Amino acid sequence: METDKIQNIENIERLAEMCFRTLKPTGDRDGLYTAEIRVFGYLELASIIKNLMKLCIVAVDHEAVELPCTIKSSSIDVGLILGIALQLFPVDEFELLSEISDLYPKGKTSEEKSEVA
């Protein structure tokens, strides 16, 4: 039983090393992380920021049919925003959660788990 627990802990540590990739420690402050997005340059970065701001304007003032006339292009590039969301989506971390849930199936007692092994 103790051997199984040690083996599970070792498996979790190994999986954590492989899967925790979305957040990276900043190094200058504990508990502070960065999440990275990839862009082709300043123009794409500006477009992302602009589209996020437009989306926020629409979300805040949902009764407004159009964006203010001061904004040149009123169309929101939803595909661009969703692409950023996909880059930030923590797929590897969800894989880790899946692996951990396999190691600790819900509803089984410690005795039942050791009998299976």
Protein backbone atom coordinates (compact mmCIF):
# COMPACT_ATOMS: atom_id res chain seq x y z
CA MET A 1 0.00 0.00 0.00
CA GLU A 2 2.77 2.47 0.91
CA THR A 3 4.62 1.42 -2.25
CA ASP A 4 1.51 2.26 -4.32
CA LYS A 5 1.29 5.71 -2.71
CA ILE A 6 4.96 6.38 -3.37
CA GLN A 7 4.55 5.19 -6.97
CA ASN A 8 1.52 7.47 -7.43
CA ILE A 9 3.41 10.46 -6.04
CA GLU A 10 6.34 9.74 -8.36
CA ASN A 11 3.92 9.47 -11.31
CA ILE A 12 2.29 12.78 -10.41
CA GLU A 13 5.69 14.48 -10.12
CA ARG A 14 6.74 13.11 -13.51
CA LEU A 15 3.47 14.16 -15.13
CA ALA A 16 3.65 17.62 -13.55
CA GLU A 17 7.11 18.13 -15.06
CA MET A 18 5.74 17.17 -18.49
CA CYS A 19 2.38 18.94 -18.37
CA PHE A 20 2.65 22.24 -16.50
CA ARG A 21 3.60 24.38 -19.48
CA THR A 22 1.06 27.20 -19.82
CA LEU A 23 2.16 29.25 -16.82
CA LYS A 24 5.81 30.09 -16.30
CA PRO A 25 7.10 31.61 -13.05
CA THR A 26 8.31 35.19 -13.47
CA GLY A 27 11.24 34.56 -11.13
CA ASP A 28 11.01 37.97 -9.52
CA ARG A 29 8.02 37.29 -7.27
CA ASP A 30 6.50 34.12 -5.79
CA GLY A 31 3.06 33.25 -7.07
CA LEU A 32 3.36 35.43 -10.18
CA TYR A 33 3.37 33.76 -13.59
CA THR A 34 3.37 34.68 -17.26
CA ALA A 35 1.35 33.13 -20.07
CA GLU A 36 2.77 33.46 -23.54
CA ILE A 37 1.03 34.29 -26.82
CA ARG A 38 2.75 34.10 -30.18
CA VAL A 39 2.34 36.95 -32.68
CA PHE A 40 3.82 37.71 -36.07
CA GLY A 41 4.79 41.24 -35.08
CA TYR A 42 3.63 44.55 -33.68
CA LEU A 43 0.86 44.89 -36.26
CA GLU A 44 -0.76 41.62 -35.21
CA LEU A 45 -0.30 42.50 -31.53
CA ALA A 46 -2.01 45.85 -32.14
CA SER A 47 -4.83 44.08 -33.95
CA ILE A 48 -5.30 41.67 -31.05
CA ILE A 49 -5.41 44.49 -28.50
CA LYS A 50 -7.82 46.51 -30.67
CA ASN A 51 -10.16 43.56 -31.15
CA LEU A 52 -10.11 42.73 -27.44
CA MET A 53 -11.03 46.33 -26.65
CA LYS A 54 -13.86 46.32 -29.22
CA LEU A 55 -15.17 43.07 -27.79
CA CYS A 56 -15.12 44.60 -24.29
CA ILE A 57 -17.01 47.69 -25.51
CA VAL A 58 -19.71 45.47 -27.00
CA ALA A 59 -19.84 43.36 -23.84
CA VAL A 60 -20.14 46.39 -21.55
CA ASP A 61 -22.71 48.18 -23.69
CA HIS A 62 -24.64 45.23 -25.09
CA GLU A 63 -27.56 47.46 -26.08
CA ALA A 64 -25.37 49.38 -28.52
CA VAL A 65 -25.89 47.98 -32.00
CA GLU A 66 -22.67 49.50 -33.32
CA LEU A 67 -19.33 50.56 -31.92
CA PRO A 68 -18.73 54.30 -31.55
CA CYS A 69 -17.97 56.09 -34.83
CA THR A 70 -14.56 57.08 -33.46
CA ILE A 71 -13.42 53.49 -34.05
CA LYS A 72 -12.43 53.15 -37.71
CA SER A 73 -13.32 49.52 -38.33
CA SER A 74 -16.31 48.36 -36.33
CA SER A 75 -15.98 44.68 -37.21
CA ILE A 76 -14.51 42.48 -34.53
CA ASP A 77 -12.15 39.72 -35.65
CA VAL A 78 -13.61 37.01 -33.42
CA GLY A 79 -11.38 34.40 -35.04
CA LEU A 80 -8.30 36.31 -33.90
CA ILE A 81 -9.60 36.52 -30.33
CA LEU A 82 -10.49 32.81 -30.31
CA GLY A 83 -7.02 32.00 -31.66
CA ILE A 84 -5.47 33.79 -28.68
CA ALA A 85 -7.81 31.95 -26.32
CA LEU A 86 -6.68 28.65 -27.86
CA GLN A 87 -3.01 29.58 -27.36
CA LEU A 88 -3.68 30.28 -23.70
CA PHE A 89 -5.85 27.19 -23.15
CA PRO A 90 -3.96 24.84 -20.79
CA VAL A 91 -4.28 21.55 -22.71
CA ASP A 92 -1.23 19.96 -21.06
CA GLU A 93 -2.56 20.79 -17.62
CA PHE A 94 -5.89 19.14 -18.41
CA GLU A 95 -3.96 16.06 -19.51
CA LEU A 96 -2.33 16.02 -16.07
CA LEU A 97 -5.71 16.27 -14.37
CA SER A 98 -6.93 13.35 -16.46
CA GLU A 99 -3.91 11.26 -15.48
CA ILE A 100 -4.36 12.11 -11.79
CA SER A 101 -8.05 11.19 -11.97
CA ASP A 102 -7.00 7.81 -13.38
CA LEU A 103 -4.61 7.31 -10.46
CA TYR A 104 -7.31 8.26 -7.92
CA PRO A 105 -10.68 7.08 -9.26
CA LYS A 106 -13.60 8.68 -7.47
CA GLY A 107 -15.61 6.44 -5.18
CA LYS A 108 -12.94 3.80 -4.55
CA THR A 109 -11.54 3.39 -1.08
CA SER A 110 -7.83 2.92 -0.42
CA GLU A 111 -8.42 -0.78 0.28
CA GLU A 112 -10.25 -1.29 -3.03
CA LYS A 113 -7.45 0.45 -4.93
CA SER A 114 -4.81 -1.76 -3.33
CA GLU A 115 -6.83 -4.91 -4.10
CA VAL A 116 -6.92 -3.98 -7.80
CA ALA A 117 -3.14 -3.51 -7.89
